[in-house]
Amino acid sequence: MPFYHRLGKIPHKRHVQFRKNGNGSLYAEELVGTQGFAGTSALVYHLYPPTIVKEKGKPYSVEPKIAIAKNLSALSFKGFALPAMDNYIDSRTPLFVNNDLHIGLAAPRESMTDYFFKNADADEVIFVHQGGGLLKTMYGEVPFEYGDYLVIPRGTIYQFEFETADNRLLIIESFSPVRTPRRYRNEVGQLLEHSPFCERDFKVPQDLLTYDERGDFPIFIKKQGLIYPYIYGTHPFDVVGWDGFHFPYAISIFDFEPITGRVHMPPPIHQQFEGDGFVVCSFVPRLYDYHPDAIPAPYHHSNIDSDEILYYVDGDFMSRNNIEKGQLTLHPGGIPHGPHPGAIERSIGKKATEEMAVMIDPFRPVMITEAAMELEVEDYYKSWAAEGALF
C-alpha cells in the first residue's frame, strides 16, 4: 500500500506498554507484515493475544487439478457459466495457474456469517463484477460495489457480507506483494501527476469495530494448496487500534482515468497493478485515437514473452466478435493474435468506446485447470478464419 493509515487508539511509541482502562492489563501487540521485516507492515493492538487456538481440524486440498500443463492455443471460457454456490470458500475456482499467481472465479450466494477466511500464501486482488457489500477485517470495514478491485494483503483474516445472492468475482492470488506500477510513483511512494489514479481514489478501512467476544471462531486458512480449519477462542476482530502501510483497500475501475493519444496506445498505458511475474490492466470507457488516419482497433501483436488473459466486464468490444459479459480469452505467448475479422475496418471513424475489461498478463506460461475446461468455448482458435477472412 503506498501510504500510511491508522484507526482506533494506539500508544505514542511502538513496542511500549499499552494498558487497558479498568484492570490495567496490557493490550496484545502484533506486527503483521510481509517479506520478513523488510516489506510493508502494520502494528495492531488486540484485546487478547491472537494466538489462542482451541482446536484445529484436518486440512483438505483445494489444489487446482490441471487439465493442460502446456498450451499453445488461443482459448476462451464463459465465466458466467460457473455454477453459483452458497459457501464463499467452496465457490473459489482456480482457472489458470503458475508459480507467480492463480487466476480464478467465484460466485458465492451467501455472506460469511459464521466463519472467516485467511490466505496465508498470497495477496488477493478481487474484482467485483456483480454484487456489493462489506469486506470485514480486523483493520476495519471496506464497502465495495460493482467495478471495485479489493486488494487484500496475505495473512488478512476477512469476511464478506454480501448485499444480494447474485455475486460474481474475479480473483487473482499473487505470491508476491501486489503493488501500484513503479513508473507512477516517486521515491517515497506517492503517486505522480501522470498516474491514471491517485490516493484520493482508494477506499481505505473505516468503522473499526472492536469485538470483545470469546467462544468458538472458525477460521479457514489457505496454505500451499490446503485449507486448514482452525477454531480460535477469541473473535479475530478484537482490535482497538492499528497503524501502518499493510491493510486492505478498494479502488474502482471507474476511477481509472484512461491515457489516450493521436494513434493507438500500447497496453501498458492501461496498467493498474503489478506483482512479480505479472501485471493487471484496466480497460475503461475512453476516447479513441484522434489522428485523422488513426485505426482505433489494436494492431496484431505477438506476445512472445507473456500470456494474455482478458476478462470482459461490460460494453461492446470492437476488437472481438460474439463476446459476452464474464467471458475470458487466453492468448498464449508464442503466437500472434489481434482483432477478429472485420474489426479493424469497423473501428475506423469511431470516436469513443464504452468497453470495460480486466487484463492480466502473466510473464510465465499458465497451466489450465479442469474447472476452466468445463467453461471452454469450443474452437475459439478458429474464430479468425470466420466469414470475411481471406479464405
Protein backbone atom coordinates (compact mmCIF):
# COMPACT_ATOMS: atom_id res chain seq x y z
CA MET A 1 0.00 0.00 0.00
CA PRO A 2 1.52 3.36 -0.98
CA PHE A 3 0.64 5.42 2.10
CA TYR A 4 0.24 5.40 5.86
CA HIS A 5 -3.11 4.91 7.59
CA ARG A 6 -4.28 4.48 11.19
CA LEU A 7 -7.52 3.75 13.02
CA GLY A 8 -8.54 3.48 16.66
CA LYS A 9 -6.27 4.12 19.62
CA ILE A 10 -2.56 3.34 19.70
CA PRO A 11 0.30 4.30 22.08
CA HIS A 12 2.64 7.17 21.34
CA LYS A 13 5.62 4.86 20.69
CA ARG A 14 5.95 1.38 19.19
CA HIS A 15 6.61 -1.63 21.43
CA VAL A 16 5.92 0.12 24.73
CA GLN A 17 3.40 -0.63 27.49
CA PHE A 18 -0.18 -0.02 26.35
CA ARG A 19 -2.69 -0.90 29.05
CA LYS A 20 -6.45 -1.26 29.18
CA ASN A 21 -8.59 1.03 31.26
CA GLY A 22 -10.05 -0.80 34.19
CA ASN A 23 -7.92 -3.82 35.04
CA GLY A 24 -4.71 -2.30 33.64
CA SER A 25 -3.74 -5.39 31.68
CA LEU A 26 -1.68 -5.00 28.52
CA TYR A 27 -3.16 -4.95 25.06
CA ALA A 28 -1.63 -7.66 22.84
CA GLU A 29 0.66 -6.10 20.25
CA GLU A 30 1.03 -7.86 16.86
CA LEU A 31 3.28 -6.87 13.95
CA VAL A 32 1.71 -8.01 10.67
CA GLY A 33 3.97 -7.79 7.65
CA THR A 34 5.44 -9.49 4.62
CA GLN A 35 8.93 -10.19 3.28
CA GLY A 36 10.34 -10.71 6.74
CA PHE A 37 10.83 -7.32 8.33
CA ALA A 38 11.64 -5.62 5.03
CA GLY A 39 8.17 -5.29 3.47
CA THR A 40 5.14 -3.23 4.40
CA SER A 41 3.68 -3.85 7.84
CA ALA A 42 1.04 -2.77 10.31
CA LEU A 43 1.25 -2.71 14.10
CA VAL A 44 -2.01 -3.99 15.59
CA TYR A 45 -3.31 -3.93 19.19
CA HIS A 46 -5.68 -6.72 20.27
CA LEU A 47 -7.81 -7.17 23.36
CA TYR A 48 -6.46 -10.73 23.56
CA PRO A 49 -3.39 -12.49 22.15
CA PRO A 50 -4.08 -13.53 18.52
CA THR A 51 -2.67 -16.99 19.28
CA ILE A 52 -5.46 -18.67 21.29
CA VAL A 53 -6.20 -21.83 19.29
CA LYS A 54 -8.85 -24.13 20.78
CA GLU A 55 -8.89 -26.74 18.04
CA LYS A 56 -7.57 -27.49 14.59
CA GLY A 57 -9.22 -29.74 12.05
CA LYS A 58 -7.89 -31.99 9.33
CA PRO A 59 -6.61 -30.00 6.33
CA TYR A 60 -8.19 -30.65 2.94
CA SER A 61 -6.92 -29.97 -0.55
CA VAL A 62 -8.02 -27.13 -2.80
CA GLU A 63 -5.07 -27.73 -5.13
CA PRO A 64 -6.04 -26.95 -8.73
CA LYS A 65 -6.45 -30.01 -10.95
CA ILE A 66 -4.52 -29.38 -14.15
CA ALA A 67 -6.06 -30.30 -17.49
CA ILE A 68 -3.47 -28.68 -19.77
CA ALA A 69 0.06 -28.17 -18.47
CA LYS A 70 1.49 -26.75 -21.71
CA ASN A 71 -0.60 -24.76 -24.15
CA LEU A 72 -0.11 -23.02 -27.49
CA SER A 73 -3.73 -22.47 -28.50
CA ALA A 74 -5.97 -19.42 -28.20
CA LEU A 75 -8.78 -20.38 -25.84
CA SER A 76 -11.94 -18.78 -24.49
CA PHE A 77 -14.14 -19.52 -21.49
CA LYS A 78 -17.64 -18.42 -20.40
CA GLY A 79 -17.11 -17.28 -16.85
CA PHE A 80 -20.77 -16.73 -16.02
CA ALA A 81 -21.35 -20.45 -16.71
CA LEU A 82 -19.57 -21.17 -13.42
CA PRO A 83 -22.29 -22.53 -11.09
CA ALA A 84 -23.13 -20.39 -8.07
CA MET A 85 -22.53 -21.91 -4.62
CA ASP A 86 -23.62 -20.90 -1.15
CA ASN A 87 -20.23 -21.02 0.56
CA TYR A 88 -17.59 -18.47 -0.44
CA ILE A 89 -14.60 -20.78 0.08
CA ASP A 90 -16.22 -23.62 -1.88
CA SER A 91 -17.08 -21.20 -4.68
CA ARG A 92 -13.47 -20.10 -5.27
CA THR A 93 -12.47 -21.82 -8.53
CA PRO A 94 -8.95 -21.50 -10.00
CA LEU A 95 -8.79 -21.46 -13.79
CA PHE A 96 -5.19 -20.54 -14.70
CA VAL A 97 -2.12 -21.10 -12.51
CA ASN A 98 1.65 -20.75 -12.47
CA ASN A 99 4.26 -20.18 -9.78
CA ASP A 100 3.58 -16.43 -9.67
CA LEU A 101 -0.19 -16.29 -9.46
CA HIS A 102 -3.51 -18.11 -9.62
CA ILE A 103 -6.46 -16.63 -11.53
CA GLY A 104 -9.98 -17.80 -10.82
CA LEU A 105 -13.64 -17.00 -10.36
CA ALA A 106 -16.20 -17.24 -7.59
CA ALA A 107 -19.98 -16.96 -7.50
CA PRO A 108 -20.94 -17.09 -3.79
CA ARG A 109 -24.58 -16.71 -2.79
CA GLU A 110 -24.27 -16.30 0.97
CA SER A 111 -22.43 -13.97 3.33
CA MET A 112 -19.75 -15.37 5.62
CA THR A 113 -21.79 -15.00 8.79
CA ASP A 114 -20.27 -17.78 10.91
CA TYR A 115 -16.73 -18.31 9.56
CA PHE A 116 -13.64 -16.41 8.44
CA PHE A 117 -11.03 -16.89 5.70
CA LYS A 118 -7.29 -16.17 5.57
CA ASN A 119 -4.97 -16.62 2.60
CA ALA A 120 -1.55 -17.25 4.14
CA ASP A 121 0.10 -17.71 0.73
CA ALA A 122 -0.97 -14.83 -1.46
CA ASP A 123 -2.14 -11.26 -1.73
CA GLU A 124 -5.58 -11.23 -3.32
CA VAL A 125 -6.98 -8.84 -5.92
CA ILE A 126 -10.71 -9.44 -6.18
CA PHE A 127 -12.61 -7.68 -8.96
CA VAL A 128 -16.32 -7.28 -8.22
CA HIS A 129 -18.25 -7.91 -11.43
CA GLN A 130 -21.63 -8.38 -9.77
CA GLY A 131 -22.72 -7.67 -6.23
CA GLY A 132 -21.74 -5.39 -3.39
CA GLY A 133 -21.44 -5.29 0.35
CA LEU A 134 -18.80 -5.04 3.07
CA LEU A 135 -15.34 -6.51 3.39
CA LYS A 136 -14.88 -7.02 7.13
CA THR A 137 -11.39 -7.28 8.65
CA MET A 138 -9.56 -6.54 11.88
CA TYR A 139 -8.39 -3.31 10.19
CA GLY A 140 -11.98 -2.09 9.77
CA GLU A 141 -14.61 -2.33 7.08
CA VAL A 142 -14.26 -1.59 3.38
CA PRO A 143 -17.53 -1.13 1.44
CA PHE A 144 -17.47 -2.46 -2.11
CA GLU A 145 -19.68 -2.42 -5.21
CA TYR A 146 -19.70 -3.29 -8.90
CA GLY A 147 -16.43 -2.31 -10.53
CA ASP A 148 -14.29 -2.32 -7.39
CA TYR A 149 -10.94 -4.01 -7.04
CA LEU A 150 -10.46 -5.29 -3.49
CA VAL A 151 -6.77 -5.65 -2.61
CA ILE A 152 -6.34 -7.92 0.43
CA PRO A 153 -2.77 -8.47 1.71
CA ARG A 154 -1.76 -12.02 2.58
CA GLY A 155 -2.45 -13.01 6.16
CA THR A 156 -5.56 -10.84 6.42
CA ILE A 157 -8.46 -12.60 8.14
CA TYR A 158 -11.66 -11.47 6.48
CA GLN A 159 -15.39 -11.96 5.99
CA PHE A 160 -17.64 -10.92 3.12
CA GLU A 161 -21.08 -9.52 3.86
CA PHE A 162 -22.94 -9.54 0.54
CA GLU A 163 -25.99 -7.40 -0.20
CA THR A 164 -27.55 -9.94 -2.58
CA ALA A 165 -27.19 -13.60 -3.59
CA ASP A 166 -26.06 -12.72 -7.12
CA ASN A 167 -22.30 -12.21 -6.82
CA ARG A 168 -19.61 -12.67 -9.47
CA LEU A 169 -15.95 -12.21 -8.54
CA LEU A 170 -12.68 -12.43 -10.47
CA ILE A 171 -9.93 -13.49 -8.06
CA ILE A 172 -6.18 -13.04 -8.58
CA GLU A 173 -3.87 -14.63 -6.00
CA SER A 174 -0.37 -13.18 -6.13
CA PHE A 175 2.51 -14.98 -4.42
CA SER A 176 4.38 -11.67 -4.28
CA PRO A 177 3.11 -8.37 -2.87
CA VAL A 178 0.67 -6.50 -5.13
CA ARG A 179 1.91 -3.01 -5.98
CA THR A 180 0.91 0.03 -7.98
CA PRO A 181 3.15 0.50 -11.06
CA ARG A 182 6.61 1.81 -10.22
CA ARG A 183 6.60 4.36 -13.04
CA TYR A 184 3.61 6.12 -11.45
CA ARG A 185 5.32 6.56 -8.04
CA ASN A 186 8.13 8.76 -6.77
CA GLU A 187 10.90 7.56 -4.45
CA VAL A 188 8.70 7.87 -1.34
CA GLY A 189 5.72 6.07 -2.89
CA GLN A 190 3.44 9.00 -3.74
CA LEU A 191 1.50 8.63 -6.97
CA LEU A 192 2.69 11.19 -9.50
CA GLU A 193 0.73 13.62 -11.65
CA HIS A 194 0.83 11.40 -14.75
CA SER A 195 -0.65 8.42 -12.89
CA PRO A 196 -4.14 7.42 -14.12
CA PHE A 197 -5.32 7.20 -10.50
CA CYS A 198 -4.31 8.77 -7.18
CA GLU A 199 -4.57 8.31 -3.42
CA ARG A 200 -7.98 10.02 -3.35
CA ASP A 201 -9.39 7.06 -5.28
CA PHE A 202 -8.54 4.46 -2.62
CA LYS A 203 -11.28 3.25 -0.28
CA VAL A 204 -9.39 2.53 2.94
CA PRO A 205 -10.72 0.73 6.04
CA GLN A 206 -13.14 2.68 8.19
CA ASP A 207 -15.50 1.94 11.09
CA LEU A 208 -13.11 -0.02 13.26
CA LEU A 209 -15.42 -2.21 15.36
CA THR A 210 -13.81 -3.96 18.33
CA TYR A 211 -15.38 -7.35 19.12
CA ASP A 212 -14.81 -8.35 22.76
CA GLU A 213 -16.05 -11.92 22.35
CA ARG A 214 -14.86 -15.32 23.50
CA GLY A 215 -16.14 -18.59 22.08
CA ASP A 216 -15.54 -20.73 19.01
CA PHE A 217 -14.48 -18.81 15.90
CA PRO A 218 -13.82 -20.92 12.76
CA ILE A 219 -11.01 -19.55 10.58
CA PHE A 220 -10.18 -21.39 7.35
CA ILE A 221 -6.54 -20.77 6.44
CA LYS A 222 -5.25 -21.40 2.91
CA LYS A 223 -1.61 -22.50 2.71
CA GLN A 224 0.22 -24.45 -0.03
CA GLY A 225 -2.92 -25.74 -1.70
CA LEU A 226 -4.60 -26.85 1.52
CA ILE A 227 -7.33 -25.38 3.71
CA TYR A 228 -6.55 -25.69 7.41
CA PRO A 229 -9.67 -25.41 9.61
CA TYR A 230 -8.84 -23.69 12.90
CA ILE A 231 -11.05 -22.81 15.85
CA TYR A 232 -9.83 -19.74 17.72
CA GLY A 233 -11.02 -18.84 21.21
CA THR A 234 -11.47 -15.09 20.66
CA HIS A 235 -13.01 -13.04 17.89
CA PRO A 236 -10.31 -12.20 15.29
CA PHE A 237 -11.61 -8.63 15.00
CA ASP A 238 -10.78 -7.70 18.62
CA VAL A 239 -8.53 -4.82 17.55
CA VAL A 240 -8.67 -1.47 19.40
CA GLY A 241 -6.25 0.32 17.06
CA TRP A 242 -3.55 -0.07 14.44
CA ASP A 243 -1.29 1.88 12.13
CA GLY A 244 0.99 1.20 9.18
CA PHE A 245 1.10 0.54 5.45
CA HIS A 246 -0.26 -3.03 5.39
CA PHE A 247 -4.06 -3.12 5.11
CA PRO A 248 -6.84 -3.98 2.64
CA TYR A 249 -8.36 -1.37 0.38
CA ALA A 250 -10.61 -0.95 -2.64
CA ILE A 251 -10.31 1.12 -5.81
CA SER A 252 -12.94 1.34 -8.53
CA ILE A 253 -12.22 0.61 -12.18
CA PHE A 254 -14.47 3.64 -12.83
CA ASP A 255 -11.85 5.86 -11.16
CA PHE A 256 -9.13 4.79 -13.60
CA GLU A 257 -8.51 7.78 -15.89
CA PRO A 258 -7.53 6.49 -19.36
CA ILE A 259 -4.44 7.75 -21.15
CA THR A 260 -5.15 8.45 -24.82
CA GLY A 261 -3.14 9.60 -27.83
CA ARG A 262 -3.26 10.52 -31.52
CA VAL A 263 -2.50 6.95 -32.55
CA HIS A 264 -3.18 3.63 -30.85
CA MET A 265 -1.52 3.40 -27.44
CA PRO A 266 0.06 0.13 -26.23
CA PRO A 267 -1.46 -1.93 -23.37
CA PRO A 268 0.95 -0.71 -20.63
CA ILE A 269 -0.92 2.61 -20.50
CA HIS A 270 -3.84 0.65 -19.01
CA GLN A 271 -1.80 -0.83 -16.15
CA GLN A 272 -3.40 -0.78 -12.68
CA PHE A 273 -1.33 -3.23 -10.56
CA GLU A 274 1.79 -5.35 -10.75
CA GLY A 275 3.40 -8.26 -8.93
CA ASP A 276 6.46 -10.37 -9.51
CA GLY A 277 5.83 -12.01 -12.88
CA PHE A 278 2.59 -10.32 -13.97
CA VAL A 279 0.66 -7.07 -14.48
CA VAL A 280 -3.04 -6.20 -14.24
CA CYS A 281 -4.59 -3.63 -16.61
CA SER A 282 -7.95 -1.83 -16.63
CA PHE A 283 -9.65 -1.16 -19.96
CA VAL A 284 -12.25 1.54 -19.41
CA PRO A 285 -14.54 3.80 -21.46
CA ARG A 286 -12.38 6.32 -23.30
CA LEU A 287 -11.99 8.49 -26.39
CA TYR A 288 -10.36 6.80 -29.34
CA ASP A 289 -7.21 7.96 -31.12
CA TYR A 290 -7.56 11.35 -32.83
CA HIS A 291 -5.02 11.25 -35.66
CA PRO A 292 -7.06 11.80 -38.90
CA ASP A 293 -5.92 8.41 -40.21
CA ALA A 294 -5.98 6.57 -36.88
CA ILE A 295 -7.05 2.94 -36.63
CA PRO A 296 -8.64 2.56 -33.18
CA ALA A 297 -8.55 -1.24 -33.25
CA PRO A 298 -5.38 -2.74 -31.77
CA TYR A 299 -2.73 -3.94 -34.18
CA HIS A 300 -1.84 -7.62 -34.43
CA HIS A 301 0.87 -8.47 -31.97
CA SER A 302 2.97 -11.41 -30.84
CA ASN A 303 3.19 -11.57 -27.09
CA ILE A 304 6.23 -13.83 -27.22
CA ASP A 305 7.19 -13.41 -23.56
CA SER A 306 3.81 -13.48 -21.85
CA ASP A 307 0.36 -14.99 -21.92
CA GLU A 308 -2.56 -12.57 -22.16
CA ILE A 309 -5.79 -13.18 -20.25
CA LEU A 310 -8.66 -10.79 -20.82
CA TYR A 311 -11.78 -10.78 -18.65
CA TYR A 312 -14.69 -8.99 -20.32
CA VAL A 313 -16.79 -6.88 -17.97
CA ASP A 314 -19.14 -4.68 -19.97
CA GLY A 315 -19.66 -2.79 -23.23
CA ASP A 316 -19.18 -3.72 -26.87
CA PHE A 317 -15.61 -4.87 -27.53
CA MET A 318 -14.79 -3.67 -31.00
CA SER A 319 -11.79 -5.99 -31.41
CA ARG A 320 -13.74 -9.17 -30.62
CA ASN A 321 -16.84 -10.76 -32.13
CA ASN A 322 -19.53 -12.53 -30.09
CA ILE A 323 -18.11 -11.76 -26.65
CA GLU A 324 -20.31 -11.94 -23.54
CA LYS A 325 -20.04 -10.46 -20.05
CA GLY A 326 -17.85 -12.60 -17.86
CA GLN A 327 -16.12 -14.27 -20.80
CA LEU A 328 -12.37 -14.84 -20.68
CA THR A 329 -9.87 -15.20 -23.50
CA LEU A 330 -6.39 -16.69 -23.20
CA HIS A 331 -3.88 -15.79 -25.91
CA PRO A 332 -0.67 -17.71 -25.15
CA GLY A 333 2.80 -16.34 -25.59
CA GLY A 334 4.47 -17.59 -28.75
CA ILE A 335 1.80 -16.96 -31.39
CA PRO A 336 0.34 -13.69 -32.71
CA HIS A 337 -3.19 -12.53 -32.10
CA GLY A 338 -5.21 -9.48 -32.99
CA PRO A 339 -8.64 -8.17 -33.91
CA HIS A 340 -11.28 -10.53 -35.21
CA PRO A 341 -12.18 -10.36 -38.93
CA GLY A 342 -13.89 -7.08 -39.80
CA ALA A 343 -12.93 -5.36 -36.53
CA ILE A 344 -10.19 -3.17 -38.00
CA GLU A 345 -12.37 -1.63 -40.73
CA ARG A 346 -15.30 -1.44 -38.34
CA SER A 347 -13.25 0.64 -35.88
CA ILE A 348 -12.19 3.36 -38.36
CA GLY A 349 -14.03 6.59 -37.73
CA LYS A 350 -15.22 5.62 -34.28
CA LYS A 351 -14.74 8.36 -31.69
CA ALA A 352 -15.10 6.51 -28.38
CA THR A 353 -15.67 3.16 -26.73
CA GLU A 354 -17.69 2.07 -23.71
CA GLU A 355 -15.82 -1.23 -23.34
CA MET A 356 -14.62 -2.35 -19.94
CA ALA A 357 -12.33 -5.28 -19.16
CA VAL A 358 -9.61 -6.53 -16.84
CA MET A 359 -6.43 -7.81 -18.48
CA ILE A 360 -3.88 -9.99 -16.71
CA ASP A 361 -0.52 -10.63 -18.38
CA PRO A 362 1.49 -13.42 -16.71
CA PHE A 363 5.13 -13.34 -17.83
CA ARG A 364 5.42 -17.11 -17.47
CA PRO A 365 3.00 -19.56 -19.14
CA VAL A 366 -0.09 -20.57 -17.20
CA MET A 367 -1.47 -24.07 -16.79
CA ILE A 368 -5.19 -24.55 -17.38
CA THR A 369 -7.36 -26.33 -14.84
CA GLU A 370 -10.06 -28.93 -15.32
CA ALA A 371 -12.58 -26.42 -13.95
CA ALA A 372 -11.62 -23.96 -16.70
CA MET A 373 -12.12 -26.56 -19.44
CA GLU A 374 -15.69 -27.11 -18.25
CA LEU A 375 -16.33 -23.47 -19.27
CA GLU A 376 -14.49 -23.62 -22.61
CA VAL A 377 -15.87 -22.07 -25.79
CA GLU A 378 -15.16 -24.73 -28.42
CA ASP A 379 -12.96 -23.89 -31.41
CA TYR A 380 -12.26 -20.31 -30.34
CA TYR A 381 -8.86 -20.58 -32.04
CA LYS A 382 -10.69 -20.80 -35.40
CA SER A 383 -12.55 -17.52 -34.90
CA TRP A 384 -10.05 -15.54 -37.00
CA ALA A 385 -10.94 -17.73 -40.01
CA ALA A 386 -14.61 -16.71 -39.92
CA GLU A 387 -16.60 -15.19 -42.77
CA GLY A 388 -14.82 -12.16 -44.19
CA ALA A 389 -11.34 -13.61 -43.78
CA LEU A 390 -9.11 -14.41 -46.75
CA PHE A 391 -10.37 -17.96 -47.26
